[in-house]
C-alpha cells in the first residue's frame, strides 16, 4: 500500500506536517502547485481489474447534495466532480475549476472551468451547470446539506461556457475548501432528483453501473473522464453487516479492501498476508445535545452532562485508546485545546452542582445510536450511559439501523445523539452550517447564539491564519462553555487490503478518492 510508512505515523506528527499547507491554500486566491488526485497516478500495479470493497451499510442516498452517511459519501465522491479538490495533504487544488481568482476586495470570485469535460451520459459540462448547481444548492427548498457553505454568495453568473463569476456578499476565506466537498458536487442542469436517485450522472473518474439494494453497488471506469483515467475497470461496494465478517471475507479473498473503524477487529487482520494501514482522522466522536428540547434547554443540565463524562474512558472502552481526546475543532491549523472547557476532567461533584442549579435531582435523555455506520457507536453509548448513571443522568438509548438513524438525525428528531461527524480542514466548513442561526443544519445542532454568528462571520472574512485561529478559538470556547455538544475523541481508520492491492492512499479526512489510482491483481 502506498505510502504505507506515511500513514503509520502518529497523529501529532502527521497533522503537524499538513497544518500549514492545508491552511495556506484555503485562503489563497488561486490554485495550488501541488498535483491533485486527477493529475497523479498511483502504485506500480498494472491497470485493469475489479476491486471489491466491503462496507457495513448500504448507502442511504445517491444524491450528493443530501449525503451525510459515510458510506454514501465514499461512493459518490468517486462519481461526481467538484470545482476544487483536496490532494493527499489536504491542499486545495483544481478540480472542475482550473483557477479561482477573487477581486482585491473579495466581492467577486471568477472561476475558469476546464474545457472538454462531459458527464457520464455524454452531455457537456459547462458554466450553465455550475450556475444551476449553485443556485439549487442555495435554494432552501433543495434541502442541500452544504447550503450554508454558499451563504456568502449573493449571485452566480455564467458569462461564457468556461467562466463563472460569483458576486459575494462579503469576502469568504473558507470558500475554496468548502467547494471541495461532494455535498457541493456539480450536477447537470437537465438532471432531476428523480433520475439521479436511481442512476447517478457525474463527471468523476467512475460512473454508476448497477445496484442491488442492501447487497452491493458497482461503479465502472468513466472512459470520458477529463483527467488520467481510473486504473481499475470497476469497483464493487459489497454490503457485509459487520466488520468481523468483512475481515473473514478479506482473508478468503472474496473482498480485496475495506476501511475498518474498530481497532480490535483491525488487529485480527494483522499478522497474516493482509496489509493494514492506520490513519488518523479529522472526524470526531461526540454526544450531540439538542439544546432546544426538554431538560437540555437548561445550560446547567448540559454542563452537568459535560462534567460527568470521562472522555478518555469512552475512548479506552470503545476504541482501545486508539485516538485522542478532542475539543470541537480538529482542523489542523485551528485545532481546539480540549483542556479549555468547564470540566476538562470528570468531576461528579460539579455535575451534581449543575443539576442542582437546574433544580433537578435526575434527568432522562432519549438518545439515538447508529448501528452499522461505524463500529464503535454502541460501545460508546453504553459507556456513556454507565458513566452518566453515576450522576443521576439516564441515557435512554434507542439503537437504530444506519438509514433510520440518519433520517432521525437530519430531522433533528432526538434529544441527544451518539455521533461520528466528519472533520474538515477549515472550521467554517465543519461548523458554520451547524452553529449559526441561519445554518442549514442548525436544527440538527440544536444551538446557536449571536456571539457565534458574529464569530463565524469574522472567520469567513479574515484571511490571516493567525487571526482566524484566534477567532475559531473563541468559537470553540463558546461551544464548550455552553455545552452545545459533548466532544469526546478523534480516532483512526484501518485500511485493510489483500496483497494484490496497490496505489490507494488513505486520507485523514476519510476520503476514498484515491480509488482512481488503485490497482489490483490476483497473482
Protein backbone atom coordinates (compact mmCIF):
# COMPACT_ATOMS: atom_id res chain seq x y z
CA UNK A 1 0.00 0.00 0.00
CA UNK A 2 1.36 3.41 -0.89
CA UNK A 3 2.63 5.30 1.02
CA UNK A 4 2.48 2.86 3.90
CA UNK A 5 5.17 4.45 6.03
CA UNK A 6 3.46 7.83 5.97
CA UNK A 7 0.06 6.62 7.07
CA UNK A 8 1.51 4.82 10.05
CA UNK A 9 2.92 7.98 11.60
CA UNK A 10 1.44 9.08 14.88
CA UNK A 11 -1.33 11.67 14.71
CA UNK A 12 0.71 14.55 16.13
CA UNK A 13 3.46 14.36 13.54
CA UNK A 14 1.16 13.81 10.56
CA UNK A 15 -1.24 16.62 11.41
CA UNK A 16 1.64 18.92 12.21
CA UNK A 17 3.08 18.38 8.74
CA UNK A 18 -0.17 19.14 6.94
CA UNK A 19 -1.32 22.04 9.10
CA UNK A 20 0.47 24.87 7.34
CA UNK A 21 -0.07 23.63 3.81
CA UNK A 22 -3.74 22.88 4.27
CA UNK A 23 -4.49 26.35 5.58
CA UNK A 24 -2.28 28.31 3.21
CA UNK A 25 -4.27 27.28 0.16
CA UNK A 26 -7.66 27.68 1.84
CA UNK A 27 -7.22 31.43 1.89
CA UNK A 28 -5.28 31.76 -1.36
CA UNK A 29 -6.86 33.28 -4.42
CA UNK A 30 -5.84 30.71 -7.00
CA UNK A 31 -4.78 27.15 -7.49
CA UNK A 32 -2.01 25.24 -5.78
CA UNK A 33 1.04 23.85 -7.47
CA UNK A 34 0.54 20.54 -5.68
CA UNK A 35 -0.89 17.89 -8.03
CA UNK A 36 -4.46 16.81 -7.40
CA UNK A 37 -5.61 13.19 -7.42
CA UNK A 38 -6.69 13.81 -11.01
CA UNK A 39 -3.17 14.82 -12.01
CA UNK A 40 -1.21 11.98 -10.41
CA UNK A 41 -1.04 8.24 -10.75
CA UNK A 42 -0.86 5.64 -8.04
CA UNK A 43 1.08 2.48 -7.35
CA UNK A 44 3.10 0.32 -9.66
CA UNK A 45 0.45 -2.30 -10.36
CA UNK A 46 -0.93 -2.98 -13.82
CA UNK A 47 -4.16 -1.21 -14.78
CA UNK A 48 -7.46 -3.03 -15.10
CA UNK A 49 -9.21 -5.48 -12.85
CA UNK A 50 -12.17 -5.35 -10.49
CA UNK A 51 -11.88 -4.36 -6.84
CA UNK A 52 -14.41 -5.49 -4.22
CA UNK A 53 -14.69 -3.28 -1.11
CA UNK A 54 -16.53 -4.49 1.97
CA UNK A 55 -18.71 -1.99 3.84
CA UNK A 56 -21.14 -2.42 6.71
CA UNK A 57 -24.12 -0.41 5.41
CA UNK A 58 -25.95 0.26 2.18
CA UNK A 59 -25.75 3.91 1.06
CA UNK A 60 -28.93 5.63 2.21
CA UNK A 61 -28.95 8.09 -0.71
CA UNK A 62 -27.35 8.55 -4.12
CA UNK A 63 -27.99 12.31 -4.15
CA UNK A 64 -24.67 14.08 -3.40
CA UNK A 65 -26.27 17.28 -2.13
CA UNK A 66 -28.05 15.32 0.60
CA UNK A 67 -25.41 12.73 1.54
CA UNK A 68 -24.33 12.70 5.19
CA UNK A 69 -23.83 8.97 5.72
CA UNK A 70 -20.17 7.96 5.37
CA UNK A 71 -20.91 5.06 3.02
CA UNK A 72 -22.89 7.29 0.65
CA UNK A 73 -20.22 9.99 0.68
CA UNK A 74 -17.42 7.50 -0.04
CA UNK A 75 -19.21 6.18 -3.11
CA UNK A 76 -20.48 9.48 -4.50
CA UNK A 77 -17.14 11.28 -4.26
CA UNK A 78 -15.86 8.85 -6.90
CA UNK A 79 -18.81 9.52 -9.22
CA UNK A 80 -19.22 13.29 -9.01
CA UNK A 81 -16.81 16.14 -9.65
CA UNK A 82 -16.34 19.30 -7.58
CA UNK A 83 -14.93 22.69 -8.53
CA UNK A 84 -11.96 22.21 -6.21
CA UNK A 85 -10.40 19.09 -4.71
CA UNK A 86 -8.05 18.16 -1.87
CA UNK A 87 -4.77 16.45 -2.53
CA UNK A 88 -3.39 13.83 -0.16
CA UNK A 89 -2.04 16.57 2.16
CA UNK A 90 -5.36 18.47 2.19
CA UNK A 91 -4.11 21.28 0.00
CA UNK A 92 -6.93 22.76 -2.08
CA UNK A 93 -6.17 22.07 -5.75
CA UNK A 94 -8.01 22.46 -9.06
CA UNK A 95 -10.94 20.23 -9.86
CA UNK A 96 -13.54 21.20 -12.44
CA UNK A 97 -12.33 24.76 -11.94
CA UNK A 98 -8.78 25.31 -13.18
CA UNK A 99 -8.48 28.52 -11.17
CA UNK A 100 -10.42 30.78 -8.80
CA UNK A 101 -9.49 34.46 -8.61
CA UNK A 102 -11.02 36.84 -6.07
CA UNK A 103 -11.09 40.56 -6.66
CA UNK A 104 -8.97 42.77 -4.42
CA UNK A 105 -11.94 43.48 -2.14
CA UNK A 106 -13.15 39.89 -2.22
CA UNK A 107 -16.54 40.95 -3.57
CA UNK A 108 -16.26 38.84 -6.72
CA UNK A 109 -14.64 35.48 -7.43
CA UNK A 110 -14.01 34.42 -11.03
CA UNK A 111 -13.70 30.72 -11.77
CA UNK A 112 -12.24 29.41 -15.03
CA UNK A 113 -13.58 25.96 -15.86
CA UNK A 114 -11.93 23.08 -17.66
CA UNK A 115 -12.91 22.60 -21.27
CA UNK A 116 -13.86 19.23 -22.76
CA UNK A 117 -15.45 17.82 -19.58
CA UNK A 118 -18.50 15.60 -20.01
CA UNK A 119 -20.96 13.89 -17.71
CA UNK A 120 -21.19 10.10 -17.69
CA UNK A 121 -24.23 10.29 -20.01
CA UNK A 122 -22.13 12.14 -22.61
CA UNK A 123 -23.59 15.62 -22.11
CA UNK A 124 -21.14 18.52 -21.96
CA UNK A 125 -20.28 20.19 -18.65
CA UNK A 126 -20.09 23.97 -18.74
CA UNK A 127 -20.79 27.12 -16.73
CA UNK A 128 -24.56 26.69 -17.06
CA UNK A 129 -24.27 23.51 -14.99
CA UNK A 130 -22.24 25.34 -12.32
CA UNK A 131 -24.77 28.17 -12.12
CA UNK A 132 -27.65 25.69 -11.99
CA UNK A 133 -25.94 23.61 -9.29
CA UNK A 134 -25.03 26.56 -7.10
CA UNK A 135 -28.44 28.19 -7.47
CA UNK A 136 -30.13 24.94 -6.45
CA UNK A 137 -27.77 24.34 -3.51
CA UNK A 138 -28.52 27.87 -2.28
CA UNK A 139 -32.28 27.33 -2.63
CA UNK A 140 -33.66 26.32 0.75
CA UNK A 141 -36.25 24.12 -0.97
CA UNK A 142 -33.47 21.81 -2.20
CA UNK A 143 -32.53 20.91 1.39
CA UNK A 144 -28.86 20.67 0.41
CA UNK A 145 -26.71 19.86 3.43
CA UNK A 146 -23.98 22.29 2.28
CA UNK A 147 -26.25 25.28 1.62
CA UNK A 148 -24.55 27.34 4.32
CA UNK A 149 -21.19 26.90 2.54
CA UNK A 150 -22.53 29.32 -0.08
CA UNK A 151 -24.08 31.76 2.39
CA UNK A 152 -21.62 34.49 1.38
CA UNK A 153 -22.54 34.18 -2.33
CA UNK A 154 -25.10 36.75 -3.49
CA UNK A 155 -25.44 35.58 -7.09
CA UNK A 156 -23.88 33.34 -9.74
CA UNK A 157 -23.33 34.39 -13.36
CA UNK A 158 -22.16 32.38 -16.36
CA UNK A 159 -20.91 34.95 -18.91
CA UNK A 160 -19.44 32.27 -21.17
CA UNK A 161 -19.22 28.45 -21.18
CA UNK A 162 -15.93 28.30 -19.25
CA UNK A 163 -16.35 31.26 -16.89
CA UNK A 164 -18.36 31.59 -13.68
CA UNK A 165 -18.50 34.82 -11.69
CA UNK A 166 -19.60 34.76 -8.07
CA UNK A 167 -20.83 38.05 -6.66
CA UNK A 168 -20.13 37.91 -2.95
CA UNK A 169 -21.97 39.45 -0.02
CA UNK A 170 -18.59 39.51 1.72
CA UNK A 171 -15.14 38.01 1.27
CA UNK A 172 -15.03 34.32 2.17
CA UNK A 173 -11.69 32.73 3.05
CA UNK A 174 -13.34 29.33 3.54
CA UNK A 175 -14.91 29.11 0.07
CA UNK A 176 -12.14 27.23 -1.83
CA UNK A 177 -12.07 24.43 0.78
CA UNK A 178 -15.85 24.26 1.03
CA UNK A 179 -16.16 23.80 -2.74
CA UNK A 180 -14.19 20.54 -2.48
CA UNK A 181 -16.94 18.68 -0.60
CA UNK A 182 -19.01 16.12 -2.53
CA UNK A 183 -22.01 17.90 -1.00
CA UNK A 184 -21.04 20.67 -3.45
CA UNK A 185 -20.92 18.33 -6.47
CA UNK A 186 -21.62 19.82 -9.87
CA UNK A 187 -24.70 18.26 -11.47
CA UNK A 188 -26.08 18.53 -14.98
CA UNK A 189 -28.65 21.30 -15.26
CA UNK A 190 -31.00 18.84 -17.00
CA UNK A 191 -30.92 16.14 -14.32
CA UNK A 192 -33.52 15.81 -11.57
CA UNK A 193 -33.63 14.17 -8.15
CA UNK A 194 -35.90 11.50 -9.59
CA UNK A 195 -33.38 10.41 -12.23
CA UNK A 196 -30.32 10.72 -10.01
CA UNK A 197 -31.88 8.71 -7.19
CA UNK A 198 -31.56 5.55 -9.28
CA UNK A 199 -28.80 6.47 -11.76
CA UNK A 200 -26.13 8.97 -10.70
CA UNK A 201 -24.66 11.05 -13.53
CA UNK A 202 -21.40 12.78 -12.67
CA UNK A 203 -18.08 13.93 -14.10
CA UNK A 204 -15.92 11.82 -11.76
CA UNK A 205 -13.36 9.10 -12.52
CA UNK A 206 -16.00 6.39 -12.08
CA UNK A 207 -19.56 6.07 -13.38
CA UNK A 208 -22.53 4.29 -11.87
CA UNK A 209 -23.05 0.76 -13.23
CA UNK A 210 -25.52 -1.20 -11.11
CA UNK A 211 -27.04 -1.54 -7.68
CA UNK A 212 -28.73 -4.33 -5.78
CA UNK A 213 -30.22 -2.65 -2.69
CA UNK A 214 -28.82 -3.91 0.64
CA UNK A 215 -26.31 -6.08 -1.24
CA UNK A 216 -23.96 -4.17 -3.50
CA UNK A 217 -23.31 -1.15 -5.68
CA UNK A 218 -20.88 -1.23 -8.61
CA UNK A 219 -19.02 1.59 -10.32
CA UNK A 220 -17.19 1.31 -13.63
CA UNK A 221 -14.32 3.29 -15.10
CA UNK A 222 -15.52 6.55 -16.69
CA UNK A 223 -13.83 6.35 -20.09
CA UNK A 224 -14.55 10.02 -20.79
CA UNK A 225 -13.12 11.34 -17.51
CA UNK A 226 -11.22 14.59 -18.08
CA UNK A 227 -8.16 13.60 -16.02
CA UNK A 228 -5.99 10.48 -16.01
CA UNK A 229 -8.36 7.55 -16.30
CA UNK A 230 -9.09 5.35 -13.31
CA UNK A 231 -6.74 2.37 -13.18
CA UNK A 232 -9.46 -0.12 -12.21
CA UNK A 233 -12.14 -1.35 -14.59
CA UNK A 234 -14.71 -1.44 -11.81
CA UNK A 235 -15.23 -1.11 -8.06
CA UNK A 236 -17.92 -3.07 -6.23
CA UNK A 237 -19.02 -1.89 -2.78
CA UNK A 238 -20.38 -5.02 -1.13
CA UNK A 239 -22.59 -4.79 1.96
CA UNK A 240 -21.40 -7.10 4.77
CA UNK A 241 -23.14 -6.15 8.01
CA UNK A 242 -20.27 -6.41 10.50
CA UNK A 243 -16.56 -5.75 10.36
CA UNK A 244 -15.55 -9.17 11.69
CA UNK A 245 -17.28 -10.78 8.71
CA UNK A 246 -15.56 -8.29 6.41
CA UNK A 247 -12.15 -9.38 7.71
CA UNK A 248 -13.13 -13.02 7.10
CA UNK A 249 -14.06 -12.09 3.53
CA UNK A 250 -10.70 -10.36 3.10
CA UNK A 251 -8.88 -13.42 4.41
CA UNK A 252 -10.77 -15.66 1.99
CA UNK A 253 -10.08 -13.28 -0.93
CA UNK A 254 -13.73 -12.62 -1.82
CA UNK A 255 -13.17 -8.99 -0.78
CA UNK A 256 -9.92 -7.14 -1.52
CA UNK A 257 -10.28 -3.94 0.52
CA UNK A 258 -12.14 -2.44 3.49
CA UNK A 259 -11.87 0.54 5.80
CA UNK A 260 -12.30 -0.70 9.38
CA UNK A 261 -13.28 1.53 12.33
CA UNK A 262 -12.96 -0.95 15.18
CA UNK A 263 -9.30 -1.29 16.30
CA UNK A 264 -9.99 -4.68 17.90
CA UNK A 265 -11.28 -6.05 14.59
CA UNK A 266 -8.37 -4.42 12.74
CA UNK A 267 -5.95 -6.31 14.99
CA UNK A 268 -7.46 -9.61 13.86
CA UNK A 269 -6.39 -8.73 10.32
CA UNK A 270 -2.75 -8.24 11.31
CA UNK A 271 -0.07 -10.89 11.19
CA UNK A 272 -1.14 -12.68 8.02
CA UNK A 273 -0.99 -11.72 4.37
CA UNK A 274 -3.33 -8.75 4.72
CA UNK A 275 -1.92 -5.23 4.88
CA UNK A 276 -3.28 -2.81 7.48
CA UNK A 277 -2.67 0.95 7.22
CA UNK A 278 -3.56 3.02 10.28
CA UNK A 279 -4.61 6.60 9.52
CA UNK A 280 -5.54 9.39 11.98
CA UNK A 281 -8.84 11.08 11.20
CA UNK A 282 -10.22 14.61 11.39
CA UNK A 283 -13.66 13.14 12.14
CA UNK A 284 -14.77 13.41 15.76
CA UNK A 285 -16.93 11.39 18.13
CA UNK A 286 -19.47 13.43 20.06
CA UNK A 287 -22.60 13.23 22.14
CA UNK A 288 -24.79 15.74 20.34
CA UNK A 289 -27.24 17.54 22.60
CA UNK A 290 -30.38 19.23 21.29
CA UNK A 291 -30.47 22.36 23.44
CA UNK A 292 -33.97 23.16 22.26
CA UNK A 293 -35.61 20.05 23.72
CA UNK A 294 -36.78 19.15 27.22
CA UNK A 295 -34.32 19.33 30.07
CA UNK A 296 -31.49 20.11 27.67
CA UNK A 297 -32.81 23.65 27.20
CA UNK A 298 -31.15 24.41 30.55
CA UNK A 299 -27.41 25.03 30.12
CA UNK A 300 -26.85 23.69 33.63
CA UNK A 301 -28.18 20.27 32.63
CA UNK A 302 -25.89 20.25 29.62
CA UNK A 303 -22.91 21.27 31.77
CA UNK A 304 -23.79 18.53 34.25
CA UNK A 305 -23.53 16.02 31.39
CA UNK A 306 -20.23 17.52 30.29
CA UNK A 307 -18.75 17.28 33.78
CA UNK A 308 -19.97 13.72 34.37
CA UNK A 309 -18.09 12.22 31.39
CA UNK A 310 -14.54 10.90 31.39
CA UNK A 311 -13.74 11.17 27.68
CA UNK A 312 -10.58 9.11 27.96
CA UNK A 313 -12.63 6.28 29.47
CA UNK A 314 -15.01 6.37 26.48
CA UNK A 315 -12.01 6.29 24.12
CA UNK A 316 -10.36 3.42 26.00
CA UNK A 317 -13.57 1.41 26.23
CA UNK A 318 -14.89 1.89 22.70
CA UNK A 319 -11.67 2.24 20.70
CA UNK A 320 -8.95 0.63 22.86
CA UNK A 321 -7.40 4.06 23.45
CA UNK A 322 -6.62 4.37 19.74
CA UNK A 323 -7.03 8.14 19.35
CA UNK A 324 -7.03 11.26 21.48
CA UNK A 325 -9.46 13.38 23.45
CA UNK A 326 -10.58 16.36 21.37
CA UNK A 327 -12.30 19.70 21.52
CA UNK A 328 -14.67 20.94 18.80
CA UNK A 329 -12.17 21.90 16.07
CA UNK A 330 -9.98 19.13 14.63
CA UNK A 331 -8.84 21.20 11.61
CA UNK A 332 -5.03 21.02 11.88
CA UNK A 333 -4.26 24.75 11.78
CA UNK A 334 -7.13 25.67 14.13
CA UNK A 335 -7.19 22.72 16.50
CA UNK A 336 -9.02 23.23 19.81
CA UNK A 337 -7.37 22.70 23.17
CA UNK A 338 -9.50 20.02 24.90
CA UNK A 339 -8.41 21.30 28.31
CA UNK A 340 -10.17 24.60 27.58
CA UNK A 341 -13.62 23.56 28.77
CA UNK A 342 -15.56 23.92 32.04
CA UNK A 343 -14.75 20.34 33.07
CA UNK A 344 -11.62 19.11 31.27
CA UNK A 345 -11.64 16.13 33.65
CA UNK A 346 -14.58 14.20 35.04
CA UNK A 347 -15.98 15.93 38.11
CA UNK A 348 -19.10 14.34 39.61
CA UNK A 349 -19.31 16.99 42.34
CA UNK A 350 -19.54 19.75 39.75
CA UNK A 351 -22.05 17.68 37.77
CA UNK A 352 -24.22 17.46 40.88
CA UNK A 353 -23.90 21.21 41.45
CA UNK A 354 -25.01 21.95 37.90
CA UNK A 355 -28.01 19.62 38.23
CA UNK A 356 -28.94 21.36 41.48
CA UNK A 357 -28.74 24.76 39.77
CA UNK A 358 -31.18 23.39 37.20
CA UNK A 359 -33.48 22.34 40.00
CA UNK A 360 -33.19 18.66 39.05
CA UNK A 361 -32.44 15.60 41.12
CA UNK A 362 -32.17 13.45 37.98
CA UNK A 363 -32.91 13.65 34.25
CA UNK A 364 -33.63 11.20 31.44
CA UNK A 365 -32.33 11.94 27.93
CA UNK A 366 -33.63 9.99 24.93
CA UNK A 367 -30.54 9.22 22.86
CA UNK A 368 -30.31 7.77 19.36
CA UNK A 369 -27.42 5.49 18.40
CA UNK A 370 -26.44 4.28 14.92
CA UNK A 371 -25.69 0.60 14.38
CA UNK A 372 -23.81 -0.13 11.18
CA UNK A 373 -22.47 3.22 10.05
CA UNK A 374 -19.38 2.96 12.27
CA UNK A 375 -18.25 0.19 14.56
CA UNK A 376 -17.72 1.82 17.96
CA UNK A 377 -21.10 3.57 18.31
CA UNK A 378 -22.90 1.10 20.56
CA UNK A 379 -19.89 0.63 22.87
CA UNK A 380 -19.57 4.42 23.16
CA UNK A 381 -23.25 4.73 24.01
CA UNK A 382 -23.14 2.01 26.65
CA UNK A 383 -20.09 3.52 28.33
CA UNK A 384 -21.67 6.98 28.32
CA UNK A 385 -24.84 5.51 29.83
CA UNK A 386 -22.88 3.83 32.62
CA UNK A 387 -20.86 6.95 33.43
CA UNK A 388 -23.83 9.32 33.39
CA UNK A 389 -25.91 6.99 35.57
CA UNK A 390 -23.48 7.78 38.40
CA UNK A 391 -24.53 11.42 38.05
CA UNK A 392 -28.24 10.52 38.04
CA UNK A 393 -28.44 11.25 34.32
CA UNK A 394 -30.12 8.43 32.42
CA UNK A 395 -29.44 7.97 28.72
CA UNK A 396 -32.45 6.17 27.27
CA UNK A 397 -30.68 4.52 24.33
CA UNK A 398 -32.51 3.88 21.05
CA UNK A 399 -30.26 1.81 18.76
CA UNK A 400 -31.23 2.28 15.12
CA UNK A 401 -30.19 0.87 11.74
CA UNK A 402 -27.94 3.33 9.91
CA UNK A 403 -30.56 4.61 7.46
CA UNK A 404 -33.19 5.09 10.18
CA UNK A 405 -30.63 6.87 12.35
CA UNK A 406 -29.71 9.30 9.55
CA UNK A 407 -33.39 10.05 8.91
CA UNK A 408 -33.96 10.83 12.59
CA UNK A 409 -30.73 12.83 12.77
CA UNK A 410 -31.47 15.02 9.73
CA UNK A 411 -34.97 15.68 11.08
CA UNK A 412 -33.49 16.62 14.50
CA UNK A 413 -35.81 14.00 15.95
CA UNK A 414 -33.74 13.33 19.06
CA UNK A 415 -32.84 14.77 22.43
CA UNK A 416 -29.27 13.50 22.13
CA UNK A 417 -27.35 11.53 19.53
CA UNK A 418 -24.15 9.48 19.76
CA UNK A 419 -22.45 10.62 16.56
CA UNK A 420 -19.34 10.43 14.44
CA UNK A 421 -19.10 13.56 12.31
CA UNK A 422 -16.66 14.22 9.50
CA UNK A 423 -13.95 16.80 10.17
CA UNK A 424 -12.71 19.30 7.59
CA UNK A 425 -9.56 21.33 7.04
CA UNK A 426 -11.49 24.57 7.59
CA UNK A 427 -13.61 25.21 10.74
CA UNK A 428 -16.28 27.08 8.80
CA UNK A 429 -16.93 24.02 6.69
CA UNK A 430 -17.12 21.93 9.86
CA UNK A 431 -19.46 24.07 11.91
CA UNK A 432 -20.87 27.06 10.02
CA UNK A 433 -23.84 25.02 8.85
CA UNK A 434 -24.46 23.74 12.39
CA UNK A 435 -23.96 26.57 14.85
CA UNK A 436 -25.00 29.74 13.02
CA UNK A 437 -28.62 30.81 13.41
CA UNK A 438 -29.12 30.63 9.63
CA UNK A 439 -27.11 27.43 9.17
CA UNK A 440 -28.98 24.81 7.18
CA UNK A 441 -28.21 22.15 9.83
CA UNK A 442 -28.82 24.41 12.83
CA UNK A 443 -32.00 22.47 13.60
CA UNK A 444 -29.81 19.36 13.94
CA UNK A 445 -27.20 21.19 16.03
CA UNK A 446 -29.86 22.45 18.41
CA UNK A 447 -27.87 25.52 19.42
CA UNK A 448 -26.87 28.97 18.15
CA UNK A 449 -26.19 32.40 19.61
CA UNK A 450 -25.49 35.98 18.44
CA UNK A 451 -21.91 35.53 19.70
CA UNK A 452 -21.37 32.51 17.45
CA UNK A 453 -22.99 34.24 14.47
CA UNK A 454 -20.53 37.12 14.86
CA UNK A 455 -17.50 34.83 15.24
CA UNK A 456 -18.35 32.76 12.15
CA UNK A 457 -18.86 35.96 10.14
CA UNK A 458 -15.44 37.19 11.26
CA UNK A 459 -13.82 33.88 10.42
CA UNK A 460 -15.13 33.97 6.86
CA UNK A 461 -13.91 37.48 6.11
CA UNK A 462 -10.48 37.08 7.72
CA UNK A 463 -7.70 35.68 5.56
CA UNK A 464 -4.79 35.79 8.02
CA UNK A 465 -4.29 32.33 9.53
CA UNK A 466 -3.17 33.56 12.96
CA UNK A 467 -6.15 35.90 13.22
CA UNK A 468 -8.53 33.16 12.13
CA UNK A 469 -7.02 30.86 14.76
CA UNK A 470 -7.93 33.37 17.48
CA UNK A 471 -11.48 33.70 16.12
CA UNK A 472 -12.08 29.95 15.99
CA UNK A 473 -10.56 29.50 19.46
CA UNK A 474 -13.22 31.89 20.76
CA UNK A 475 -15.84 29.97 18.82
CA UNK A 476 -14.64 26.68 20.32
CA UNK A 477 -14.62 28.12 23.83
CA UNK A 478 -18.18 29.42 23.41
CA UNK A 479 -19.40 25.99 22.32
CA UNK A 480 -17.71 24.31 25.28
CA UNK A 481 -18.84 26.94 27.83
CA UNK A 482 -22.44 26.32 26.78
CA UNK A 483 -22.02 22.54 26.37
CA UNK A 484 -23.68 22.75 22.98
CA UNK A 485 -22.42 19.21 22.36
CA UNK A 486 -20.06 16.95 24.27
CA UNK A 487 -16.95 16.48 22.13
CA UNK A 488 -15.14 13.28 23.07
CA UNK A 489 -12.33 11.99 20.86
CA UNK A 490 -10.82 11.52 17.43
CA UNK A 491 -9.68 8.08 16.30
CA UNK A 492 -8.20 6.16 13.39
CA UNK A 493 -9.33 4.24 10.37
CA UNK A 494 -7.64 0.99 9.36
CA UNK A 495 -7.42 0.35 5.63
CA UNK A 496 -7.14 -3.39 5.15
CA UNK A 497 -6.12 -4.75 1.75
CA UNK A 498 -5.16 -8.06 0.20
CA UNK A 499 -1.59 -8.36 -1.17
CA UNK A 500 -2.52 -7.51 -4.75
CA UNK A 501 -3.94 -4.07 -3.98
CA UNK A 502 -1.61 -1.14 -4.65
CA UNK A 503 -1.79 2.60 -5.20
CA UNK A 504 -4.51 3.52 -2.70
CA UNK A 505 -3.68 6.48 -0.44
CA UNK A 506 -5.67 6.72 2.84
CA UNK A 507 -6.51 10.29 3.85
CA UNK A 508 -7.04 11.97 7.21
CA UNK A 509 -10.45 13.26 6.07
CA UNK A 510 -11.57 9.68 5.33
CA UNK A 511 -11.86 10.20 1.58
CA UNK A 512 -11.66 7.23 -0.79
CA UNK A 513 -10.80 9.50 -3.73
CA UNK A 514 -7.58 7.62 -4.43
CA UNK A 515 -9.54 4.64 -5.70
CA UNK A 516 -8.84 6.33 -9.03
CA UNK A 517 -5.15 5.42 -8.69
CA UNK A 518 -5.64 1.96 -7.17
CA UNK A 519 -4.68 -1.29 -8.90
CA UNK A 520 -5.45 -4.90 -8.01
CA UNK A 521 -4.01 -8.22 -9.10
CA UNK A 522 -4.78 -11.79 -8.13
CA UNK A 523 -1.31 -13.15 -8.72
